[in-house]
């Protein structure tokens, strides 16, 4: 394995290009694609499997807290 990590945007592009092929592949082909992805990207095996099996997204979603939690935190920190 190489000690040089790819930039994150390059890893995302590689993942996007490989994901559809991986999901449609046979078991033997998945193994080969997974091994190549691990060597190129530097991800650990289980992380790579999760990424390749996951839903294809555009990456524009953000985690948002629930409004009730936000109000609670605002009240908690606004007390003197």
Foldseek 3Di string as FASTA:
>chain_A
DDPDADPPVVLVVVLLVCLVVLVPDDPVVVVVSLVVNCVRHVDDSVVSVCSSPDDDDPPPDDDDDDPVVVVVVCVVVVDD
